[in-house]
PDB file of N, CA and C in Angstrom:
ATOM      1  N   MET A   1      15.613 259.430  58.058  1.00  0.00           N
ATOM      2  CA  MET A   1      14.194 259.316  58.217  1.00  0.00           C
ATOM      3  C   MET A   1      13.894 258.224  59.237  1.00  0.00           C
ATOM      4  N   VAL A   2      12.998 258.501  60.184  1.00  0.00           N
ATOM      5  CA  VAL A   2      12.643 257.527  61.215  1.00  0.00           C
ATOM      6  C   VAL A   2      11.211 257.066  60.975  1.00  0.00           C
ATOM      7  N   TYR A   3      11.043 255.767  60.945  1.00  0.00           N
ATOM      8  CA  TYR A   3       9.703 255.207  60.789  1.00  0.00           C
ATOM      9  C   TYR A   3       9.276 254.620  62.122  1.00  0.00           C
ATOM     10  N   HIS A   4       8.074 254.914  62.517  1.00  0.00           N
ATOM     11  CA  HIS A   4       7.523 254.349  63.741  1.00  0.00           C
ATOM     12  C   HIS A   4       6.500 253.288  63.367  1.00  0.00           C
ATOM     13  N   THR A   5       6.638 252.168  63.962  1.00  0.00           N
ATOM     14  CA  THR A   5       5.665 251.111  63.748  1.00  0.00           C
ATOM     15  C   THR A   5       4.639 251.180  64.866  1.00  0.00           C
ATOM     16  N   ILE A   6       3.413 251.338  64.494  1.00  0.00           N
ATOM     17  CA  ILE A   6       2.334 251.368  65.475  1.00  0.00           C
ATOM     18  C   ILE A   6       1.765 249.960  65.571  1.00  0.00           C
ATOM     19  N   MET A   7       1.904 249.397  66.742  1.00  0.00           N
ATOM     20  CA  MET A   7       1.375 248.058  66.975  1.00  0.00           C
ATOM     21  C   MET A   7      -0.094 248.183  67.369  1.00  0.00           C
ATOM     22  N   ARG A   8      -0.906 247.436  66.734  1.00  0.00           N
ATOM     23  CA  ARG A   8      -2.339 247.477  67.016  1.00  0.00           C
ATOM     24  C   ARG A   8      -2.806 246.113  67.464  1.00  0.00           C
ATOM     25  N   ALA A   9      -3.938 246.140  68.138  1.00  0.00           N
ATOM     26  CA  ALA A   9      -4.548 244.880  68.538  1.00  0.00           C
ATOM     27  C   ALA A   9      -4.940 244.103  67.281  1.00  0.00           C
ATOM     28  N   ARG A  10      -4.783 242.797  67.352  1.00  0.00           N
ATOM     29  CA  ARG A  10      -5.114 241.924  66.219  1.00  0.00           C
ATOM     30  C   ARG A  10      -6.365 241.132  66.565  1.00  0.00           C
ATOM     31  N   LEU A  11      -7.376 241.222  65.732  1.00  0.00           N
ATOM     32  CA  LEU A  11      -8.630 240.506  65.968  1.00  0.00           C
ATOM     33  C   LEU A  11      -8.404 239.005  65.810  1.00  0.00           C
ATOM     34  N   LEU A  12      -8.693 238.248  66.873  1.00  0.00           N
ATOM     35  CA  LEU A  12      -8.532 236.791  66.839  1.00  0.00           C
ATOM     36  C   LEU A  12      -9.842 236.063  66.576  1.00  0.00           C
ATOM     37  N   LEU A  13     -10.934 236.635  67.080  1.00  0.00           N
ATOM     38  CA  LEU A  13     -12.233 235.965  66.995  1.00  0.00           C
ATOM     39  C   LEU A  13     -13.309 237.021  66.881  1.00  0.00           C
ATOM     40  N   ASP A  14     -14.213 236.840  65.932  1.00  0.00           N
ATOM     41  CA  ASP A  14     -15.326 237.768  65.739  1.00  0.00           C
ATOM     42  C   ASP A  14     -16.490 236.979  65.164  1.00  0.00           C
ATOM     43  N   THR A  15     -17.400 236.551  66.033  1.00  0.00           N
ATOM     44  CA  THR A  15     -18.549 235.773  65.585  1.00  0.00           C
ATOM     45  C   THR A  15     -19.840 236.357  66.144  1.00  0.00           C
ATOM     46  N   LYS A  16     -20.897 236.184  65.391  1.00  0.00           N
ATOM     47  CA  LYS A  16     -22.237 236.545  65.845  1.00  0.00           C
ATOM     48  C   LYS A  16     -23.181 235.469  65.346  1.00  0.00           C
ATOM     49  N   THR A  17     -23.939 234.898  66.272  1.00  0.00           N
ATOM     50  CA  THR A  17     -24.887 233.845  65.947  1.00  0.00           C
ATOM     51  C   THR A  17     -26.246 234.232  66.500  1.00  0.00           C
ATOM     52  N   VAL A  18     -27.279 234.100  65.679  1.00  0.00           N
ATOM     53  CA  VAL A  18     -28.646 234.303  66.139  1.00  0.00           C
ATOM     54  C   VAL A  18     -29.301 232.923  66.157  1.00  0.00           C
ATOM     55  N   LEU A  19     -29.689 232.485  67.352  1.00  0.00           N
ATOM     56  CA  LEU A  19     -30.280 231.159  67.511  1.00  0.00           C
ATOM     57  C   LEU A  19     -31.771 231.182  67.174  1.00  0.00           C
ATOM     58  N   GLU A  20     -32.345 229.999  66.987  1.00  0.00           N
ATOM     59  CA  GLU A  20     -33.765 229.889  66.646  1.00  0.00           C
ATOM     60  C   GLU A  20     -34.669 230.561  67.671  1.00  0.00           C
ATOM     61  N   ASP A  21     -34.260 230.559  68.942  1.00  0.00           N
ATOM     62  CA  ASP A  21     -35.083 231.177  69.988  1.00  0.00           C
ATOM     63  C   ASP A  21     -34.810 232.682  70.126  1.00  0.00           C
ATOM     64  N   GLU A  22     -34.081 233.241  69.154  1.00  0.00           N
ATOM     65  CA  GLU A  22     -33.769 234.665  69.049  1.00  0.00           C
ATOM     66  C   GLU A  22     -32.677 235.157  70.000  1.00  0.00           C
ATOM     67  N   ARG A  23     -32.007 234.240  70.695  1.00  0.00           N
ATOM     68  CA  ARG A  23     -30.833 234.651  71.469  1.00  0.00           C
ATOM     69  C   ARG A  23     -29.730 235.041  70.510  1.00  0.00           C
ATOM     70  N   ILE A  24     -28.984 236.057  70.892  1.00  0.00           N
ATOM     71  CA  ILE A  24     -27.829 236.494  70.115  1.00  0.00           C
ATOM     72  C   ILE A  24     -26.577 236.170  70.920  1.00  0.00           C
ATOM     73  N   ILE A  25     -25.636 235.520  70.274  1.00  0.00           N
ATOM     74  CA  ILE A  25     -24.350 235.206  70.900  1.00  0.00           C
ATOM     75  C   ILE A  25     -23.269 235.878  70.066  1.00  0.00           C
ATOM     76  N   GLN A  26     -22.511 236.760  70.713  1.00  0.00           N
ATOM     77  CA  GLN A  26     -21.414 237.457  70.040  1.00  0.00           C
ATOM     78  C   GLN A  26     -20.128 237.214  70.824  1.00  0.00           C
ATOM     79  N   ARG A  27     -19.055 236.977  70.081  1.00  0.00           N
ATOM     80  CA  ARG A  27     -17.745 236.788  70.700  1.00  0.00           C
ATOM     81  C   ARG A  27     -16.721 237.591  69.921  1.00  0.00           C
ATOM     82  N   LYS A  28     -16.013 238.474  70.626  1.00  0.00           N
ATOM     83  CA  LYS A  28     -14.922 239.244  70.027  1.00  0.00           C
ATOM     84  C   LYS A  28     -13.724 239.153  70.953  1.00  0.00           C
ATOM     85  N   VAL A  29     -12.593 238.795  70.372  1.00  0.00           N
ATOM     86  CA  VAL A  29     -11.342 238.680  71.136  1.00  0.00           C
ATOM     87  C   VAL A  29     -10.227 239.285  70.299  1.00  0.00           C
ATOM     88  N   TRP A  30      -9.446 240.144  70.934  1.00  0.00           N
ATOM     89  CA  TRP A  30      -8.294 240.760  70.281  1.00  0.00           C
ATOM     90  C   TRP A  30      -7.019 240.372  71.023  1.00  0.00           C
ATOM     91  N   LYS A  31      -5.951 240.185  70.289  1.00  0.00           N
ATOM     92  CA  LYS A  31      -4.612 240.003  70.857  1.00  0.00           C
ATOM     93  C   LYS A  31      -3.969 241.370  70.883  1.00  0.00           C
ATOM     94  N   LEU A  32      -3.604 241.827  72.080  1.00  0.00           N
ATOM     95  CA  LEU A  32      -2.982 243.137  72.239  1.00  0.00           C
ATOM     96  C   LEU A  32      -1.499 243.071  71.889  1.00  0.00           C
ATOM     97  N   PRO A  33      -0.901 244.201  71.526  1.00  0.00           N
ATOM     98  CA  PRO A  33       0.533 244.192  71.207  1.00  0.00           C
ATOM     99  C   PRO A  33       1.387 243.705  72.375  1.00  0.00           C
ATOM    100  N   LYS A  34       0.917 243.976  73.607  1.00  0.00           N
ATOM    101  CA  LYS A  34       1.633 243.473  74.785  1.00  0.00           C
ATOM    102  C   LYS A  34       0.659 243.428  75.962  1.00  0.00           C
ATOM    103  N   ALA A  35       0.985 242.613  76.928  1.00  0.00           N
ATOM    104  CA  ALA A  35       0.175 242.522  78.148  1.00  0.00           C
ATOM    105  C   ALA A  35       0.290 243.836  78.911  1.00  0.00           C
ATOM    106  N   THR A  36      -0.734 244.154  79.665  1.00  0.00           N
ATOM    107  CA  THR A  36      -0.755 245.363  80.488  1.00  0.00           C
ATOM    108  C   THR A  36      -1.200 244.983  81.893  1.00  0.00           C
ATOM    109  N   PRO A  37      -1.016 245.861  82.865  1.00  0.00           N
ATOM    110  CA  PRO A  37      -1.504 245.551  84.213  1.00  0.00           C
ATOM    111  C   PRO A  37      -3.017 245.291  84.236  1.00  0.00           C
ATOM    112  N   GLU A  38      -3.769 246.004  83.395  1.00  0.00           N
ATOM    113  CA  GLU A  38      -5.220 245.793  83.315  1.00  0.00           C
ATOM    114  C   GLU A  38      -5.568 244.493  82.611  1.00  0.00           C
ATOM    115  N   ARG A  39      -4.730 244.090  81.667  1.00  0.00           N
ATOM    116  CA  ARG A  39      -4.992 242.899  80.857  1.00  0.00           C
ATOM    117  C   ARG A  39      -3.725 242.043  80.787  1.00  0.00           C
ATOM    118  N   PRO A  40      -3.379 241.390  81.902  1.00  0.00           N
ATOM    119  CA  PRO A  40      -2.144 240.604  81.941  1.00  0.00           C
ATOM    120  C   PRO A  40      -2.142 239.431  80.963  1.00  0.00           C
ATOM    121  N   SER A  41      -3.313 239.031  80.494  1.00  0.00           N
ATOM    122  CA  SER A  41      -3.395 237.941  79.514  1.00  0.00           C
ATOM    123  C   SER A  41      -2.930 238.393  78.135  1.00  0.00           C
ATOM    124  N   GLY A  42      -2.867 239.714  77.914  1.00  0.00           N
ATOM    125  CA  GLY A  42      -2.533 240.220  76.593  1.00  0.00           C
ATOM    126  C   GLY A  42      -3.708 240.162  75.633  1.00  0.00           C
ATOM    127  N   LEU A  43      -4.890 239.917  76.181  1.00  0.00           N
ATOM    128  CA  LEU A  43      -6.112 239.830  75.376  1.00  0.00           C
ATOM    129  C   LEU A  43      -7.117 240.882  75.820  1.00  0.00           C
ATOM    130  N   LYS A  44      -7.893 241.318  74.870  1.00  0.00           N
ATOM    131  CA  LYS A  44      -9.067 242.149  75.152  1.00  0.00           C
ATOM    132  C   LYS A  44     -10.244 241.349  74.608  1.00  0.00           C
ATOM    133  N   TYR A  45     -11.340 241.279  75.382  1.00  0.00           N
ATOM    134  CA  TYR A  45     -12.454 240.460  74.922  1.00  0.00           C
ATOM    135  C   TYR A  45     -13.802 241.017  75.368  1.00  0.00           C
ATOM    136  N   ARG A  46     -14.819 240.600  74.601  1.00  0.00           N
ATOM    137  CA  ARG A  46     -16.213 240.880  74.932  1.00  0.00           C
ATOM    138  C   ARG A  46     -17.025 239.710  74.398  1.00  0.00           C
ATOM    139  N   LEU A  47     -17.617 238.973  75.323  1.00  0.00           N
ATOM    140  CA  LEU A  47     -18.455 237.832  74.976  1.00  0.00           C
ATOM    141  C   LEU A  47     -19.855 238.143  75.480  1.00  0.00           C
ATOM    142  N   TYR A  48     -20.859 238.009  74.627  1.00  0.00           N
ATOM    143  CA  TYR A  48     -22.205 238.449  74.980  1.00  0.00           C
ATOM    144  C   TYR A  48     -23.241 237.434  74.542  1.00  0.00           C
ATOM    145  N   CYS A  49     -24.233 237.219  75.408  1.00  0.00           N
ATOM    146  CA  CYS A  49     -25.433 236.466  75.046  1.00  0.00           C
ATOM    147  C   CYS A  49     -26.622 237.241  75.586  1.00  0.00           C
ATOM    148  N   GLY A  50     -27.586 237.498  74.727  1.00  0.00           N
ATOM    149  CA  GLY A  50     -28.778 238.213  75.153  1.00  0.00           C
ATOM    150  C   GLY A  50     -29.944 237.902  74.251  1.00  0.00           C
ATOM    151  N   LYS A  51     -31.094 238.379  74.663  1.00  0.00           N
ATOM    152  CA  LYS A  51     -32.314 238.154  73.890  1.00  0.00           C
ATOM    153  C   LYS A  51     -33.223 239.357  74.087  1.00  0.00           C
ATOM    154  N   GLY A  52     -33.746 239.884  73.001  1.00  0.00           N
ATOM    155  CA  GLY A  52     -34.664 241.010  73.081  1.00  0.00           C
ATOM    156  C   GLY A  52     -34.048 242.243  73.715  1.00  0.00           C
ATOM    157  N   GLY A  53     -32.745 242.437  73.510  1.00  0.00           N
ATOM    158  CA  GLY A  53     -32.061 243.591  74.079  1.00  0.00           C
ATOM    159  C   GLY A  53     -31.703 243.456  75.545  1.00  0.00           C
ATOM    160  N   ARG A  54     -31.944 242.291  76.115  1.00  0.00           N
ATOM    161  CA  ARG A  54     -31.632 242.053  77.531  1.00  0.00           C
ATOM    162  C   ARG A  54     -30.483 241.068  77.650  1.00  0.00           C
ATOM    163  N   THR A  55     -29.562 241.379  78.529  1.00  0.00           N
ATOM    164  CA  THR A  55     -28.390 240.538  78.735  1.00  0.00           C
ATOM    165  C   THR A  55     -28.759 239.262  79.489  1.00  0.00           C
ATOM    166  N   ILE A  56     -28.263 238.151  78.988  1.00  0.00           N
ATOM    167  CA  ILE A  56     -28.313 236.886  79.731  1.00  0.00           C
ATOM    168  C   ILE A  56     -26.982 236.744  80.461  1.00  0.00           C
ATOM    169  N   VAL A  57     -25.884 236.882  79.715  1.00  0.00           N
ATOM    170  CA  VAL A  57     -24.545 236.870  80.319  1.00  0.00           C
ATOM    171  C   VAL A  57     -23.584 237.612  79.390  1.00  0.00           C
ATOM    172  N   ARG A  58     -22.625 238.309  80.002  1.00  0.00           N
ATOM    173  CA  ARG A  58     -21.597 239.012  79.237  1.00  0.00           C
ATOM    174  C   ARG A  58     -20.295 238.956  80.021  1.00  0.00           C
ATOM    175  N   TYR A  59     -19.230 238.595  79.344  1.00  0.00           N
ATOM    176  CA  TYR A  59     -17.882 238.600  79.917  1.00  0.00           C
ATOM    177  C   TYR A  59     -17.094 239.693  79.204  1.00  0.00           C
ATOM    178  N   ASP A  60     -16.296 240.471  79.946  1.00  0.00           N
ATOM    179  CA  ASP A  60     -15.429 241.442  79.294  1.00  0.00           C
ATOM    180  C   ASP A  60     -14.316 241.869  80.236  1.00  0.00           C
ATOM    181  N   ASN A  61     -13.386 242.612  79.674  1.00  0.00           N
ATOM    182  CA  ASN A  61     -12.284 243.184  80.460  1.00  0.00           C
ATOM    183  C   ASN A  61     -12.001 244.595  79.944  1.00  0.00           C
ATOM    184  N   GLU A  62     -13.027 245.413  79.981  1.00  0.00           N
ATOM    185  CA  GLU A  62     -12.915 246.792  79.499  1.00  0.00           C
ATOM    186  C   GLU A  62     -11.859 247.558  80.285  1.00  0.00           C
ATOM    187  N   SER A  63     -11.387 248.638  79.704  1.00  0.00           N
ATOM    188  CA  SER A  63     -10.378 249.462  80.364  1.00  0.00           C
ATOM    189  C   SER A  63     -10.872 249.947  81.712  1.00  0.00           C
ATOM    190  N   GLY A  64      -9.970 249.906  82.698  1.00  0.00           N
ATOM    191  CA  GLY A  64     -10.325 250.378  84.032  1.00  0.00           C
ATOM    192  C   GLY A  64     -10.937 249.311  84.912  1.00  0.00           C
ATOM    193  N   LYS A  65     -11.169 248.126  84.354  1.00  0.00           N
ATOM    194  CA  LYS A  65     -11.746 247.032  85.140  1.00  0.00           C
ATOM    195  C   LYS A  65     -10.961 245.760  84.847  1.00  0.00           C
ATOM    196  N   ALA A  66     -10.957 244.893  85.795  1.00  0.00           N
ATOM    197  CA  ALA A  66     -10.318 243.593  85.599  1.00  0.00           C
ATOM    198  C   ALA A  66     -11.296 242.669  84.860  1.00  0.00           C
ATOM    199  N   ASP A  67     -10.896 241.433  84.666  1.00  0.00           N
ATOM    200  CA  ASP A  67     -11.771 240.442  84.053  1.00  0.00           C
ATOM    201  C   ASP A  67     -13.024 240.297  84.906  1.00  0.00           C
ATOM    202  N   HIS A  68     -14.192 240.318  84.269  1.00  0.00           N
ATOM    203  CA  HIS A  68     -15.446 240.198  85.017  1.00  0.00           C
ATOM    204  C   HIS A  68     -16.570 239.742  84.092  1.00  0.00           C
ATOM    205  N   ARG A  69     -17.715 239.438  84.711  1.00  0.00           N
ATOM    206  CA  ARG A  69     -18.882 239.046  83.926  1.00  0.00           C
ATOM    207  C   ARG A  69     -20.113 239.748  84.475  1.00  0.00           C
ATOM    208  N   HIS A  70     -21.121 239.849  83.630  1.00  0.00           N
ATOM    209  CA  HIS A  70     -22.404 240.453  83.980  1.00  0.00           C
ATOM    210  C   HIS A  70     -23.465 239.387  83.747  1.00  0.00           C
ATOM    211  N   VAL A  71     -24.391 239.242  84.700  1.00  0.00           N
ATOM    212  CA  VAL A  71     -25.420 238.216  84.575  1.00  0.00           C
ATOM    213  C   VAL A  71     -26.793 238.846  84.728  1.00  0.00           C
ATOM    214  N   GLY A  72     -27.693 238.455  83.828  1.00  0.00           N
ATOM    215  CA  GLY A  72     -29.090 238.840  83.918  1.00  0.00           C
ATOM    216  C   GLY A  72     -29.376 240.229  83.383  1.00  0.00           C
ATOM    217  N   PRO A  73     -30.673 240.525  83.287  1.00  0.00           N
ATOM    218  CA  PRO A  73     -31.077 241.820  82.736  1.00  0.00           C
ATOM    219  C   PRO A  73     -30.608 243.009  83.583  1.00  0.00           C
ATOM    220  N   ASN A  74     -30.338 242.784  84.866  1.00  0.00           N
ATOM    221  CA  ASN A  74     -29.791 243.846  85.719  1.00  0.00           C
ATOM    222  C   ASN A  74     -28.275 243.898  85.650  1.00  0.00           C
ATOM    223  N   GLU A  75     -27.702 242.979  84.877  1.00  0.00           N
ATOM    224  CA  GLU A  75     -26.258 242.890  84.659  1.00  0.00           C
ATOM    225  C   GLU A  75     -25.466 242.909  85.962  1.00  0.00           C
ATOM    226  N   ILE A  76     -25.836 242.016  86.862  1.00  0.00           N
ATOM    227  CA  ILE A  76     -25.116 241.896  88.130  1.00  0.00           C
ATOM    228  C   ILE A  76     -23.681 241.471  87.827  1.00  0.00           C
ATOM    229  N   GLU A  77     -22.742 242.282  88.301  1.00  0.00           N
ATOM    230  CA  GLU A  77     -21.332 242.102  87.961  1.00  0.00           C
ATOM    231  C   GLU A  77     -20.606 241.287  89.017  1.00  0.00           C
ATOM    232  N   SER A  78     -19.739 240.388  88.550  1.00  0.00           N
ATOM    233  CA  SER A  78     -18.883 239.625  89.458  1.00  0.00           C
ATOM    234  C   SER A  78     -17.515 239.443  88.804  1.00  0.00           C
ATOM    235  N   ASP A  79     -16.495 239.232  89.631  1.00  0.00           N
ATOM    236  CA  ASP A  79     -15.143 239.018  89.132  1.00  0.00           C
ATOM    237  C   ASP A  79     -15.078 237.703  88.370  1.00  0.00           C
ATOM    238  N   TYR A  80     -14.172 237.634  87.425  1.00  0.00           N
ATOM    239  CA  TYR A  80     -13.909 236.406  86.684  1.00  0.00           C
ATOM    240  C   TYR A  80     -12.413 236.146  86.741  1.00  0.00           C
ATOM    241  N   GLN A  81     -12.034 234.933  87.076  1.00  0.00           N
ATOM    242  CA  GLN A  81     -10.628 234.555  87.149  1.00  0.00           C
ATOM    243  C   GLN A  81     -10.190 234.008  85.794  1.00  0.00           C
ATOM    244  N   PHE A  82      -9.489 234.837  85.022  1.00  0.00           N
ATOM    245  CA  PHE A  82      -9.014 234.431  83.702  1.00  0.00           C
ATOM    246  C   PHE A  82      -7.871 233.431  83.865  1.00  0.00           C
ATOM    247  N   VAL A  83      -7.995 232.289  83.175  1.00  0.00           N
ATOM    248  CA  VAL A  83      -6.950 231.258  83.184  1.00  0.00           C
ATOM    249  C   VAL A  83      -6.339 231.126  81.792  1.00  0.00           C
ATOM    250  N   SER A  84      -7.209 231.011  80.787  1.00  0.00           N
ATOM    251  CA  SER A  84      -6.769 230.871  79.396  1.00  0.00           C
ATOM    252  C   SER A  84      -7.940 231.233  78.488  1.00  0.00           C
ATOM    253  N   LEU A  85      -7.628 231.478  77.230  1.00  0.00           N
ATOM    254  CA  LEU A  85      -8.685 231.801  76.280  1.00  0.00           C
ATOM    255  C   LEU A  85      -9.641 230.632  76.112  1.00  0.00           C
ATOM    256  N   SER A  86      -9.121 229.423  76.031  1.00  0.00           N
ATOM    257  CA  SER A  86     -10.001 228.262  75.847  1.00  0.00           C
ATOM    258  C   SER A  86     -10.927 228.075  77.049  1.00  0.00           C
ATOM    259  N   LYS A  87     -10.429 228.303  78.261  1.00  0.00           N
ATOM    260  CA  LYS A  87     -11.283 228.185  79.457  1.00  0.00           C
ATOM    261  C   LYS A  87     -12.321 229.308  79.471  1.00  0.00           C
ATOM    262  N   LEU A  88     -11.930 230.517  79.092  1.00  0.00           N
ATOM    263  CA  LEU A  88     -12.877 231.636  79.024  1.00  0.00           C
ATOM    264  C   LEU A  88     -14.034 231.292  78.085  1.00  0.00           C
ATOM    265  N   LEU A  89     -13.720 230.808  76.894  1.00  0.00           N
ATOM    266  CA  LEU A  89     -14.763 230.473  75.923  1.00  0.00           C
ATOM    267  C   LEU A  89     -15.645 229.335  76.423  1.00  0.00           C
ATOM    268  N   ALA A  90     -15.046 228.344  77.064  1.00  0.00           N
ATOM    269  CA  ALA A  90     -15.822 227.221  77.617  1.00  0.00           C
ATOM    270  C   ALA A  90     -16.709 227.690  78.760  1.00  0.00           C
ATOM    271  N   ASP A  91     -16.189 228.540  79.655  1.00  0.00           N
ATOM    272  CA  ASP A  91     -16.995 229.066  80.765  1.00  0.00           C
ATOM    273  C   ASP A  91     -18.166 229.890  80.242  1.00  0.00           C
ATOM    274  N   PHE A  92     -17.916 230.677  79.217  1.00  0.00           N
ATOM    275  CA  PHE A  92     -18.971 231.492  78.617  1.00  0.00           C
ATOM    276  C   PHE A  92     -20.089 230.596  78.066  1.00  0.00           C
ATOM    277  N   ILE A  93     -19.727 229.593  77.280  1.00  0.00           N
ATOM    278  CA  ILE A  93     -20.747 228.703  76.703  1.00  0.00           C
ATOM    279  C   ILE A  93     -21.495 227.951  77.800  1.00  0.00           C
ATOM    280  N   GLN A  94     -20.798 227.535  78.849  1.00  0.00           N
ATOM    281  CA  GLN A  94     -21.474 226.858  79.959  1.00  0.00           C
ATOM    282  C   GLN A  94     -22.496 227.798  80.596  1.00  0.00           C
ATOM    283  N   ASP A  95     -22.128 229.076  80.789  1.00  0.00           N
ATOM    284  CA  ASP A  95     -23.069 230.049  81.336  1.00  0.00           C
ATOM    285  C   ASP A  95     -24.229 230.309  80.383  1.00  0.00           C
ATOM    286  N   VAL A  96     -23.943 230.405  79.087  1.00  0.00           N
ATOM    287  CA  VAL A  96     -25.014 230.598  78.099  1.00  0.00           C
ATOM    288  C   VAL A  96     -26.023 229.469  78.244  1.00  0.00           C
ATOM    289  N   GLU A  97     -25.541 228.250  78.298  1.00  0.00           N
ATOM    290  CA  GLU A  97     -26.443 227.091  78.382  1.00  0.00           C
ATOM    291  C   GLU A  97     -27.186 227.045  79.707  1.00  0.00           C
ATOM    292  N   SER A  98     -26.492 227.240  80.806  1.00  0.00           N
ATOM    293  CA  SER A  98     -27.156 227.112  82.112  1.00  0.00           C
ATOM    294  C   SER A  98     -28.073 228.305  82.394  1.00  0.00           C
ATOM    295  N   LEU A  99     -27.657 229.522  82.068  1.00  0.00           N
ATOM    296  CA  LEU A  99     -28.479 230.703  82.353  1.00  0.00           C
ATOM    297  C   LEU A  99     -29.640 230.856  81.370  1.00  0.00           C
ATOM    298  N   SER A 100     -29.554 230.176  80.227  1.00  0.00           N
ATOM    299  CA  SER A 100     -30.653 230.199  79.261  1.00  0.00           C
ATOM    300  C   SER A 100     -31.632 229.066  79.514  1.00  0.00           C
ATOM    301  N   GLY A 101     -31.328 228.212  80.493  1.00  0.00           N
ATOM    302  CA  GLY A 101     -32.218 227.103  80.809  1.00  0.00           C
ATOM    303  C   GLY A 101     -31.980 225.852  79.986  1.00  0.00           C
ATOM    304  N   GLU A 102     -30.884 225.821  79.220  1.00  0.00           N
ATOM    305  CA  GLU A 102     -30.587 224.627  78.416  1.00  0.00           C
ATOM    306  C   GLU A 102     -30.091 223.485  79.299  1.00  0.00           C
ATOM    307  N   ILE A 103     -29.383 223.821  80.370  1.00  0.00           N
ATOM    308  CA  ILE A 103     -28.877 222.808  81.315  1.00  0.00           C
ATOM    309  C   ILE A 103     -29.635 223.007  82.611  1.00  0.00           C
ATOM    310  N   LYS A 104     -30.216 221.970  83.109  1.00  0.00           N
ATOM    311  CA  LYS A 104     -30.984 222.056  84.366  1.00  0.00           C
ATOM    312  C   LYS A 104     -30.144 221.588  85.523  1.00  0.00           C
TER     313      LYS A 104
END
């Protein structure tokens, strides 16, 4: 009898916060079974901040695209240079604060 082990992504982070000003901040990060050409970090992620159904900033690395971010209600897309998970989370929070007007 042969048993196959199916390796699945492991959820590392899953948070959702609703701030007093009604902004929603969601962070989801998965550890993949192995790195891939699309995701050399070995991580899959989606970090989102929005209000009233409109995006303020979103970082992700969906299939078929490299690491990137979306800014504003028109979700203008730009490349993101992934360095580490801690830097990704720090960059996201910095964008949340600056694009929401918390940092002038």
